[in-house]
Amino acid sequence: MKIIRTRLKPYGESTEFISLPNDMKSLIQENDNKLFHFLVEHDNVSTVKEYGVGSIDSDLVDSVIPVKNSNYVILFNENGVIEIDEDNVMLFESLPRQHTVDQWKMLRKMTKGIDIGDRISDLTKQGANIQYCRNAIDSGIESYEDFENHNKSFVPSWNLKHLKSPFQKKKKK
């Protein structure tokens, strides 16, 4: 579930939804104890939810919902107060695709020797305690396709099926 847009509840005349995350944040912060309409997307279905001191939607009560394309979440209290929490940042990380890794390797090949990491002296030879001072592209970046290929033989619930390893088909003796 994500919040896509928001606006103040229109009275008489229509108002437009705001879709920029920073504008949505300032709209909520500047208008305490007012009624808001939130355009919420859940499973590719968008619905408008009304929330505020005068009207509390039971679907939103005590929920923490991230705002699309932002680094903050919105907290909906049971008394109708809406809070913005920038400390509870939700990260959605993923592995890069193979095409992206190939582009990084091509860029590294073009900048080999020109990069600042290649131009400074090797600090591990001078006694510094830097064991992992290397370029991430040279050491290898795993792509999503690599991850899928390496885990084809993974067996879910391998310990319940009396297997020695999640990657082997041998049974325990």
Protein backbone atom coordinates (compact mmCIF):
# COMPACT_ATOMS: atom_id res chain seq x y z
CA MET A 1 0.00 0.00 0.00
CA LYS A 2 1.39 3.41 -0.99
CA ILE A 3 0.10 6.96 -0.95
CA ILE A 4 0.27 8.46 -4.44
CA ARG A 5 -1.47 11.84 -4.04
CA THR A 6 -3.22 13.95 -1.46
CA ARG A 7 -5.38 17.06 -1.18
CA LEU A 8 -7.47 18.94 1.34
CA LYS A 9 -11.10 17.87 1.32
CA PRO A 10 -12.90 20.17 -1.10
CA TYR A 11 -15.89 22.13 0.21
CA GLY A 12 -18.09 23.31 -2.65
CA GLU A 13 -15.40 23.79 -5.25
CA SER A 14 -13.05 21.11 -6.51
CA THR A 15 -9.34 21.05 -5.76
CA GLU A 16 -6.58 19.13 -7.46
CA PHE A 17 -4.55 16.33 -5.93
CA ILE A 18 -0.91 17.08 -5.16
CA SER A 19 1.49 14.39 -6.31
CA LEU A 20 4.94 15.77 -5.43
CA PRO A 21 6.17 14.21 -2.15
CA ASN A 22 7.61 17.44 -0.69
CA ASP A 23 4.44 19.38 -1.51
CA MET A 24 2.32 16.66 0.10
CA LYS A 25 4.49 16.83 3.23
CA SER A 26 4.17 20.60 3.55
CA LEU A 27 0.41 20.46 2.87
CA ILE A 28 -0.04 18.03 5.77
CA GLN A 29 2.28 19.96 8.10
CA GLU A 30 0.65 23.35 7.39
CA ASN A 31 -2.95 22.13 7.79
CA ASP A 32 -3.27 20.48 11.18
CA ASN A 33 -6.65 19.04 12.15
CA LYS A 34 -8.12 19.30 8.66
CA LEU A 35 -9.73 16.65 6.47
CA PHE A 36 -7.60 15.15 3.72
CA HIS A 37 -8.24 12.93 0.73
CA PHE A 38 -5.48 10.41 0.09
CA LEU A 39 -5.17 8.53 -3.18
CA VAL A 40 -3.91 5.14 -2.00
CA GLU A 41 -2.66 2.40 -4.32
CA HIS A 42 -2.93 -1.21 -3.16
CA ASP A 43 -2.40 -4.17 -5.54
CA ASN A 44 -2.57 -1.84 -8.57
CA VAL A 45 -5.99 -0.53 -7.48
CA SER A 46 -6.24 3.15 -6.54
CA THR A 47 -8.86 4.36 -4.08
CA VAL A 48 -9.53 7.69 -2.37
CA LYS A 49 -9.51 7.56 1.43
CA GLU A 50 -10.74 10.42 3.60
CA TYR A 51 -8.93 10.96 6.87
CA GLY A 52 -8.79 13.68 9.49
CA VAL A 53 -10.23 14.71 12.85
CA GLY A 54 -13.80 14.85 11.53
CA SER A 55 -13.69 11.65 9.48
CA ILE A 56 -11.59 8.62 10.42
CA ASP A 57 -11.30 5.81 7.88
CA SER A 58 -11.02 2.48 9.71
CA ASP A 59 -8.69 1.10 7.01
CA LEU A 60 -6.08 3.75 7.80
CA VAL A 61 -6.28 3.80 11.62
CA ASP A 62 -2.93 2.96 13.28
CA SER A 63 -1.25 2.28 9.96
CA VAL A 64 2.10 3.42 8.61
CA ILE A 65 1.98 4.00 4.86
CA PRO A 66 4.92 5.08 2.70
CA VAL A 67 4.57 7.92 0.21
CA LYS A 68 5.51 7.01 -3.35
CA ASN A 69 8.93 8.33 -4.49
CA SER A 70 9.83 9.75 -1.07
CA ASN A 71 11.88 8.97 2.00
CA TYR A 72 9.16 9.34 4.64
CA VAL A 73 6.03 7.58 5.84
CA ILE A 74 2.68 8.88 7.08
CA LEU A 75 1.28 7.72 10.43
CA PHE A 76 -2.50 7.70 10.90
CA ASN A 77 -3.43 7.96 14.59
CA GLU A 78 -6.74 6.72 15.96
CA ASN A 79 -7.76 10.24 17.04
CA GLY A 80 -7.56 11.54 13.44
CA VAL A 81 -4.16 13.20 13.69
CA ILE A 82 -1.82 12.67 10.75
CA GLU A 83 1.92 12.61 11.43
CA ILE A 84 4.92 12.49 9.13
CA ASP A 85 7.78 10.25 10.20
CA GLU A 86 11.09 10.81 8.43
CA ASP A 87 13.00 8.55 10.84
CA ASN A 88 11.06 5.44 9.82
CA VAL A 89 12.42 5.40 6.29
CA MET A 90 11.41 2.38 4.26
CA LEU A 91 14.09 1.13 1.89
CA PHE A 92 13.28 -0.95 -1.11
CA GLU A 93 16.54 -2.39 -2.33
CA SER A 94 17.14 -4.82 -5.15
CA LEU A 95 19.93 -6.28 -7.21
CA PRO A 96 20.85 -4.54 -10.46
CA ARG A 97 19.95 -6.18 -13.77
CA GLN A 98 22.66 -7.80 -15.90
CA HIS A 99 22.51 -5.01 -18.48
CA THR A 100 23.35 -2.44 -15.79
CA VAL A 101 26.30 -4.50 -14.53
CA ASP A 102 27.55 -4.81 -18.13
CA GLN A 103 27.36 -1.03 -18.52
CA TRP A 104 29.37 -0.54 -15.30
CA LYS A 105 32.01 -2.99 -16.54
CA MET A 106 32.24 -1.15 -19.86
CA LEU A 107 32.62 2.18 -18.03
CA ARG A 108 35.30 0.67 -15.76
CA LYS A 109 37.18 -0.62 -18.80
CA MET A 110 37.14 2.87 -20.34
CA THR A 111 38.32 4.60 -17.12
CA LYS A 112 40.93 2.01 -16.04
CA GLY A 113 44.05 3.93 -15.01
CA ILE A 114 42.30 7.32 -15.10
CA ASP A 115 40.13 6.72 -12.02
CA ILE A 116 41.35 8.31 -8.77
CA GLY A 117 41.38 4.89 -7.11
CA ASP A 118 43.88 3.68 -9.69
CA ARG A 119 46.06 6.78 -9.42
CA ILE A 120 46.70 6.76 -5.66
CA SER A 121 49.35 4.44 -4.23
CA ASP A 122 48.45 1.02 -2.87
CA LEU A 123 48.04 1.64 0.87
CA THR A 124 48.15 -2.06 1.77
CA LYS A 125 51.82 -2.15 0.71
CA GLN A 126 52.59 0.78 2.99
CA GLY A 127 51.39 -0.98 6.14
CA ALA A 128 47.89 0.47 6.29
CA ASN A 129 45.14 -1.75 7.65
CA ILE A 130 42.99 -1.60 4.51
CA GLN A 131 42.39 -5.13 3.31
CA TYR A 132 39.39 -4.39 1.13
CA CYS A 133 40.57 -1.30 -0.72
CA ARG A 134 39.47 -2.21 -4.24
CA ASN A 135 37.01 -1.21 -6.88
CA ALA A 136 33.64 -2.94 -6.51
CA ILE A 137 33.33 -3.47 -10.26
CA ASP A 138 36.72 -5.22 -10.42
CA SER A 139 35.81 -7.52 -7.53
CA GLY A 140 32.44 -8.34 -9.10
CA ILE A 141 28.84 -7.23 -8.67
CA GLU A 142 26.10 -9.85 -8.52
CA SER A 143 23.15 -9.16 -10.78
CA TYR A 144 19.58 -10.36 -10.35
CA GLU A 145 20.09 -12.87 -13.14
CA ASP A 146 23.20 -14.28 -11.40
CA PHE A 147 21.21 -14.65 -8.18
CA GLU A 148 18.42 -16.52 -9.96
CA ASN A 149 20.85 -18.86 -11.74
CA HIS A 150 22.75 -19.69 -8.53
CA ASN A 151 19.54 -20.46 -6.63
CA LYS A 152 17.82 -22.71 -9.15
CA SER A 153 18.70 -25.78 -7.11
CA PHE A 154 17.41 -24.27 -3.84
CA VAL A 155 14.87 -26.52 -2.13
CA PRO A 156 12.41 -24.74 0.18
CA SER A 157 11.74 -26.49 3.50
CA TRP A 158 14.92 -28.51 2.98
CA ASN A 159 15.24 -29.36 6.68
CA LEU A 160 11.71 -30.80 6.80
CA LYS A 161 12.47 -32.96 3.77
CA HIS A 162 15.49 -34.53 5.55
CA LEU A 163 18.07 -33.09 3.16
CA LYS A 164 21.66 -32.33 4.17
CA SER A 165 21.67 -28.93 2.45
CA PRO A 166 19.16 -26.62 0.80
CA PHE A 167 21.13 -26.95 -2.45
CA GLN A 168 21.51 -30.73 -2.64
CA LYS A 169 19.14 -33.59 -3.26
CA LYS A 170 20.87 -36.00 -0.81
CA LYS A 171 18.94 -37.30 2.18
CA LYS A 172 20.21 -37.48 5.75
CA LYS A 173 21.36 -40.87 7.00
